[in-house]
Amino acid sequence: MTTFQGVDIIIRQGDATGFPCDVLALKYAQALYGVDRQVVSMLDRCGARVAHLPEVGEPAFIGSPPTLAARSLLLVGTRQLRDFTYADVRTFGELALSLLDEYADTGHDAARARVRAR
């Protein structure tokens, strides 16, 4: 575990949908793959459709997603997977943390909580 400015960051290998945390932050590479596809499918099946999948650099924040152990879901739009580089991984992480900080500043309940990213 790493703590940065009062935020605990935990990276775990395993089923992200079943890990209890405040926020599950995922990339959305302009198409659904892997965990983001699994999460969006789970939400669709329970009638909680994701209304907006984010463009590059945009967020989609879903509070209290049913069927997930996470209290909130943050999808961050990234470049397409074929163009996604290690530098983009860093940009994704920085943007995700920055977005969560903005949500906290606006009083969003889920973002005020301690954040655990996987």
Foldseek 3Di string as FASTA:
>chain_A
DDADPNADEDDDDDQQQEDAWLEEEEEDQVHDDDPSVVLQVVQVVVPNHQPDQDAAQDWRKAACRPSGNYRIYIYHYHHHPVPQDPVRVVVSVVSVLVVLVVCVVVPNVSSVDRGYYD
